[in-house]
Protein backbone atom coordinates (compact mmCIF):
# COMPACT_ATOMS: atom_id res chain seq x y z
CA UNK A 1 40.86 -38.28 13.80
CA UNK A 2 41.97 -35.01 12.08
CA UNK A 3 43.52 -34.94 8.37
CA UNK A 4 45.49 -32.24 6.82
CA UNK A 5 45.39 -31.98 3.05
CA UNK A 6 47.63 -29.84 0.59
CA UNK A 7 46.21 -27.72 -2.05
CA UNK A 8 45.63 -30.41 -4.50
CA UNK A 9 43.62 -32.14 -1.82
CA UNK A 10 46.03 -34.99 -1.11
CA UNK A 11 46.35 -36.14 2.56
CA UNK A 12 49.73 -35.15 3.83
CA UNK A 13 49.33 -35.37 7.60
CA UNK A 14 46.77 -37.18 10.30
CA UNK A 15 46.35 -37.46 13.97
CA UNK A 16 44.26 -39.58 15.98
CA UNK A 17 42.74 -38.85 19.38
CA UNK A 18 40.56 -41.06 21.64
CA UNK A 19 39.24 -40.90 25.24
CA UNK A 20 38.85 -42.41 28.48
CA UNK A 21 36.68 -41.31 31.54
CA UNK A 22 39.15 -38.50 32.47
CA UNK A 23 41.91 -38.04 29.82
CA UNK A 24 42.13 -37.58 26.17
CA UNK A 25 44.94 -39.72 24.41
CA UNK A 26 46.65 -38.45 21.30
CA UNK A 27 48.21 -40.95 19.05
CA UNK A 28 49.58 -41.52 15.49
CA UNK A 29 50.51 -37.96 14.51
CA UNK A 30 52.12 -38.46 11.10
CA UNK A 31 53.36 -36.24 8.21
CA UNK A 32 54.42 -37.37 4.86
CA UNK A 33 58.04 -36.97 4.51
CA UNK A 34 57.37 -34.58 1.44
CA UNK A 35 55.43 -32.38 3.92
CA UNK A 36 57.89 -32.27 6.69
CA UNK A 37 59.48 -29.06 8.05
CA UNK A 38 56.24 -27.05 7.52
CA UNK A 39 55.24 -27.28 11.14
CA UNK A 40 51.96 -29.79 10.18
CA UNK A 41 52.91 -32.00 13.19
CA UNK A 42 52.67 -29.07 15.43
CA UNK A 43 49.63 -27.74 13.90
CA UNK A 44 47.80 -31.00 14.47
CA UNK A 45 48.86 -31.35 17.93
CA UNK A 46 47.60 -27.79 18.76
CA UNK A 47 44.25 -28.44 17.00
CA UNK A 48 43.93 -31.76 19.01
CA UNK A 49 44.91 -30.10 22.35
CA UNK A 50 42.45 -27.27 21.80
CA UNK A 51 39.84 -29.69 21.19
CA UNK A 52 40.55 -31.77 24.45
CA UNK A 53 40.43 -28.25 26.17
CA UNK A 54 36.91 -27.70 24.96
CA UNK A 55 35.63 -30.89 26.47
CA UNK A 56 37.31 -30.11 29.89
CA UNK A 57 39.39 -33.36 30.13
CA UNK A 58 41.75 -33.61 32.98
CA UNK A 59 44.81 -34.36 30.99
CA UNK A 60 46.24 -35.35 27.63
CA UNK A 61 48.31 -38.28 27.23
CA UNK A 62 50.36 -38.69 24.09
CA UNK A 63 51.88 -41.82 22.97
CA UNK A 64 54.83 -41.05 20.32
CA UNK A 65 58.42 -41.90 19.26
CA UNK A 66 61.72 -40.87 20.71
CA UNK A 67 62.44 -39.04 17.16
CA UNK A 68 59.58 -36.46 17.92
CA UNK A 69 60.69 -35.71 21.43
CA UNK A 70 61.73 -32.17 20.57
CA UNK A 71 58.25 -31.07 19.36
CA UNK A 72 56.40 -32.87 22.16
CA UNK A 73 58.85 -30.82 24.74
CA UNK A 74 58.29 -27.60 22.76
CA UNK A 75 54.45 -27.88 23.26
CA UNK A 76 54.92 -28.46 26.76
CA UNK A 77 54.63 -32.36 27.25
CA UNK A 78 56.61 -34.04 30.02
CA UNK A 79 58.22 -37.62 29.21
CA UNK A 80 56.95 -40.80 31.09
CA UNK A 81 58.34 -44.05 30.34
CA UNK A 82 55.61 -46.65 29.47
CA UNK A 83 57.13 -50.26 29.28
CA UNK A 84 55.14 -53.02 28.16
CA UNK A 85 56.18 -56.79 27.97
CA UNK A 86 56.50 -56.89 24.13
CA UNK A 87 57.67 -53.45 23.42
CA UNK A 88 58.91 -50.09 24.77
CA UNK A 89 57.08 -46.86 24.03
CA UNK A 90 57.35 -43.30 25.07
CA UNK A 91 54.31 -41.61 26.55
CA UNK A 92 53.86 -37.93 27.34
CA UNK A 93 51.69 -36.12 29.75
CA UNK A 94 50.30 -32.63 29.48
CA UNK A 95 48.56 -31.37 32.56
């Protein structure tokens, strides 16, 4: 997990990463509303992706919401629909 703090040391953003055998999975990229539009989500993503590259994982999967689609596409993720019995979520793949 990565946390982003402001100058007063308050947590304003976070991102989570976990792994299976070949892949890294990025999940729960969140930024406080008061800290939006400052590039924090993108900064968290780039930090996590650079960490994955250091580990030589084959691919990066991202579970996210449709609202963040423009950010994911700018970074280079390609959409892939993941449908579960109880909910629909969007997953993204960066190879």
